[in-house]
């Protein structure tokens, strides 16, 4: 699989092969490439102020598990599955629950900076919509919250979402369809860029 890092194309399979062959310093390429999306994932899933620690631990665990990584699959969703698991562990053992405001503030900080040329009104509207979406997500079941987070907040496609969550693609379709119907009731103005088709091989 290939991905971009700073405008360069990164051959992830080649990098992983180098690490497995005894060149651990090559792993830094994968860390640089995926740190941003990993931080967004940890924050969106509730890690809050612990997001950096969660991501660091996830990269360590991913490195230790590279021997079990299946060749021919994408590294990003595999890594994000580890990030999600680490986030769940962190949230479960946290001394206090993060408030929605804490999560929203942290998530905004984890987002790429808005260019100076951006329309301030549009930027403000985007932030308000993100806050409203996160508030609505709190009212969904865990499965529905996870699938919407991966598909729209983390901008992963259906295949990547299925890999990251460990679900069949049919399950992703059916749960996303139900989640979007629920969000449509909570947020009448919510219009994702690509709503999945009804149906699927698996059901809840």
Protein backbone atom coordinates (compact mmCIF):
# COMPACT_ATOMS: atom_id res chain seq x y z
CA UNK A 1 0.00 0.00 0.00
CA UNK A 2 1.22 3.53 -0.77
CA UNK A 3 0.48 6.75 1.08
CA UNK A 4 1.74 10.32 1.12
CA UNK A 5 4.15 11.91 3.59
CA UNK A 6 5.01 15.56 3.11
CA UNK A 7 4.22 15.39 -0.59
CA UNK A 8 6.21 12.16 -1.09
CA UNK A 9 4.73 8.76 -1.88
CA UNK A 10 5.54 6.24 0.84
CA UNK A 11 5.59 2.54 -0.02
CA UNK A 12 4.37 1.20 3.31
CA UNK A 13 4.93 -2.44 2.37
CA UNK A 14 8.58 -1.68 1.61
CA UNK A 15 8.99 0.20 4.88
CA UNK A 16 7.46 -2.65 6.89
CA UNK A 17 9.72 -5.11 5.07
CA UNK A 18 12.75 -3.03 6.08
CA UNK A 19 11.67 -3.01 9.72
CA UNK A 20 11.11 -6.77 9.68
CA UNK A 21 14.54 -7.21 8.08
CA UNK A 22 16.27 -5.56 11.02
CA UNK A 23 16.09 -1.85 10.20
CA UNK A 24 13.96 -0.51 13.09
CA UNK A 25 14.78 3.12 12.29
CA UNK A 26 12.62 2.78 9.15
CA UNK A 27 9.56 2.62 11.42
CA UNK A 28 9.90 6.38 11.94
CA UNK A 29 8.54 6.84 8.42
CA UNK A 30 5.27 5.16 9.41
CA UNK A 31 5.13 7.15 12.64
CA UNK A 32 5.53 10.47 10.80
CA UNK A 33 3.01 9.48 8.15
CA UNK A 34 0.22 8.39 10.50
CA UNK A 35 0.66 10.43 13.71
CA UNK A 36 -1.88 13.06 12.62
CA UNK A 37 -4.71 10.65 11.83
CA UNK A 38 -3.89 8.58 14.93
CA UNK A 39 -4.21 11.66 17.15
CA UNK A 40 -7.52 12.58 15.52
CA UNK A 41 -8.79 9.04 16.06
CA UNK A 42 -7.77 8.89 19.71
CA UNK A 43 -9.29 12.28 20.40
CA UNK A 44 -12.53 11.63 18.52
CA UNK A 45 -12.95 8.35 20.39
CA UNK A 46 -12.62 10.04 23.78
CA UNK A 47 -8.93 10.01 24.82
CA UNK A 48 -9.01 13.75 25.48
CA UNK A 49 -5.81 15.08 27.04
CA UNK A 50 -4.36 11.55 27.00
CA UNK A 51 -4.47 11.33 23.20
CA UNK A 52 -0.72 11.75 22.73
CA UNK A 53 0.05 9.05 25.30
CA UNK A 54 -2.50 6.75 23.71
CA UNK A 55 -0.99 7.24 20.26
CA UNK A 56 2.55 6.74 21.51
CA UNK A 57 1.56 3.46 23.17
CA UNK A 58 -0.35 2.40 20.06
CA UNK A 59 2.71 2.92 17.87
CA UNK A 60 4.80 0.87 20.30
CA UNK A 61 2.27 -1.97 20.24
CA UNK A 62 1.98 -1.77 16.46
CA UNK A 63 5.76 -2.03 16.15
CA UNK A 64 5.82 -5.09 18.40
CA UNK A 65 3.02 -6.67 16.40
CA UNK A 66 4.44 -6.04 12.90
CA UNK A 67 5.26 -9.72 12.65
CA UNK A 68 1.51 -10.41 12.66
CA UNK A 69 0.66 -7.68 10.16
CA UNK A 70 -0.92 -9.27 7.09
CA UNK A 71 0.90 -8.38 3.88
CA UNK A 72 -1.26 -6.77 1.23
CA UNK A 73 -3.51 -4.94 3.71
CA UNK A 74 -3.43 -1.23 4.55
CA UNK A 75 -1.39 -0.13 7.55
CA UNK A 76 -3.61 2.82 8.54
CA UNK A 77 -6.81 0.95 9.48
CA UNK A 78 -4.73 -1.74 11.21
CA UNK A 79 -2.99 0.95 13.27
CA UNK A 80 -6.26 2.75 14.03
CA UNK A 81 -7.76 -0.48 15.38
CA UNK A 82 -4.88 -0.53 17.89
CA UNK A 83 -5.43 3.17 18.65
CA UNK A 84 -9.14 2.51 19.27
CA UNK A 85 -8.34 -0.35 21.65
CA UNK A 86 -5.81 1.75 23.55
CA UNK A 87 -8.34 4.58 23.77
CA UNK A 88 -10.99 2.26 25.21
CA UNK A 89 -8.54 1.02 27.82
CA UNK A 90 -7.58 4.57 28.75
CA UNK A 91 -11.17 5.75 29.04
CA UNK A 92 -12.13 2.76 31.18
CA UNK A 93 -9.32 3.36 33.64
CA UNK A 94 -9.53 7.16 33.72
CA UNK A 95 -10.25 8.68 37.13
CA UNK A 96 -12.90 10.95 35.68
CA UNK A 97 -15.05 11.09 32.56
CA UNK A 98 -14.20 13.69 29.95
CA UNK A 99 -16.98 16.14 29.26
CA UNK A 100 -18.22 16.77 25.75
CA UNK A 101 -16.66 20.24 25.90
CA UNK A 102 -13.26 18.73 26.72
CA UNK A 103 -13.52 16.35 23.79
CA UNK A 104 -14.60 19.06 21.37
CA UNK A 105 -11.77 21.38 22.41
CA UNK A 106 -9.18 18.63 22.09
CA UNK A 107 -10.53 17.49 18.74
CA UNK A 108 -10.37 21.01 17.31
CA UNK A 109 -6.75 21.30 18.47
CA UNK A 110 -5.96 18.01 16.72
CA UNK A 111 -7.40 19.26 13.43
CA UNK A 112 -5.12 20.79 10.78
CA UNK A 113 -4.88 24.57 11.03
CA UNK A 114 -7.38 26.46 8.90
CA UNK A 115 -5.54 28.43 6.18
CA UNK A 116 -5.46 32.20 6.66
CA UNK A 117 -7.22 32.54 3.31
CA UNK A 118 -10.22 30.56 4.57
CA UNK A 119 -13.53 32.34 4.96
CA UNK A 120 -13.89 33.12 8.72
CA UNK A 121 -17.65 32.66 8.52
CA UNK A 122 -17.27 29.27 6.89
CA UNK A 123 -14.66 28.25 9.46
CA UNK A 124 -16.96 29.27 12.31
CA UNK A 125 -19.88 27.38 10.79
CA UNK A 126 -17.70 24.29 10.39
CA UNK A 127 -16.68 24.44 14.05
CA UNK A 128 -20.30 24.86 15.17
CA UNK A 129 -21.42 21.92 13.03
CA UNK A 130 -18.60 19.76 14.42
CA UNK A 131 -19.69 20.60 17.98
CA UNK A 132 -23.30 19.77 17.17
CA UNK A 133 -22.26 16.51 15.52
CA UNK A 134 -20.18 15.43 18.52
CA UNK A 135 -23.09 16.23 20.83
CA UNK A 136 -25.40 14.11 18.69
CA UNK A 137 -22.88 11.27 18.56
CA UNK A 138 -23.06 11.03 22.34
CA UNK A 139 -26.69 9.95 21.95
CA UNK A 140 -25.87 7.03 19.62
CA UNK A 141 -25.01 3.48 20.59
CA UNK A 142 -21.29 2.64 20.75
CA UNK A 143 -21.39 0.73 17.44
CA UNK A 144 -23.15 3.56 15.63
CA UNK A 145 -20.85 6.18 17.16
CA UNK A 146 -17.78 4.21 16.06
CA UNK A 147 -18.89 3.74 12.47
CA UNK A 148 -19.84 7.41 11.99
CA UNK A 149 -16.59 8.55 13.62
CA UNK A 150 -14.44 6.41 11.32
CA UNK A 151 -16.37 7.17 8.12
CA UNK A 152 -16.86 10.90 8.52
CA UNK A 153 -14.70 12.39 11.29
CA UNK A 154 -11.66 10.32 10.27
CA UNK A 155 -12.65 10.31 6.58
CA UNK A 156 -11.99 6.60 6.06
CA UNK A 157 -13.62 4.70 3.21
CA UNK A 158 -15.87 1.71 3.73
CA UNK A 159 -13.11 -0.87 3.33
CA UNK A 160 -10.77 0.93 5.75
CA UNK A 161 -13.59 1.33 8.27
CA UNK A 162 -14.36 -2.38 8.10
CA UNK A 163 -10.70 -3.24 8.64
CA UNK A 164 -10.24 -0.77 11.49
CA UNK A 165 -13.33 -1.96 13.35
CA UNK A 166 -12.93 -5.64 12.51
CA UNK A 167 -16.41 -5.83 11.00
CA UNK A 168 -17.58 -7.26 7.66
CA UNK A 169 -18.31 -4.57 5.09
CA UNK A 170 -21.98 -5.51 5.19
CA UNK A 171 -22.06 -4.72 8.90
CA UNK A 172 -20.43 -1.35 8.26
CA UNK A 173 -23.11 -0.56 5.65
CA UNK A 174 -26.07 -1.59 7.76
CA UNK A 175 -24.87 0.07 10.98
CA UNK A 176 -23.89 3.25 9.16
CA UNK A 177 -27.30 3.38 7.49
CA UNK A 178 -29.05 3.09 10.86
CA UNK A 179 -26.68 5.60 12.47
CA UNK A 180 -27.31 8.15 9.73
CA UNK A 181 -31.07 7.76 10.07
CA UNK A 182 -30.72 8.42 13.81
CA UNK A 183 -28.49 11.43 13.17
CA UNK A 184 -30.99 12.76 10.66
CA UNK A 185 -33.55 12.89 13.49
CA UNK A 186 -31.11 14.56 15.87
CA UNK A 187 -29.51 16.87 13.27
CA UNK A 188 -31.88 17.66 10.38
CA UNK A 189 -29.12 19.63 8.61
CA UNK A 190 -26.54 16.82 8.81
CA UNK A 191 -25.66 15.82 5.23
CA UNK A 192 -22.60 13.54 4.90
CA UNK A 193 -20.81 13.66 1.59
CA UNK A 194 -21.55 10.04 0.78
CA UNK A 195 -24.47 8.19 2.33
CA UNK A 196 -24.14 4.41 1.96
CA UNK A 197 -26.70 2.30 0.20
CA UNK A 198 -29.19 0.31 2.21
CA UNK A 199 -28.58 -3.36 2.84
CA UNK A 200 -25.51 -5.48 3.47
CA UNK A 201 -24.46 -9.02 4.17
CA UNK A 202 -24.41 -8.68 7.94
CA UNK A 203 -26.76 -7.08 10.42
CA UNK A 204 -26.59 -5.90 14.01
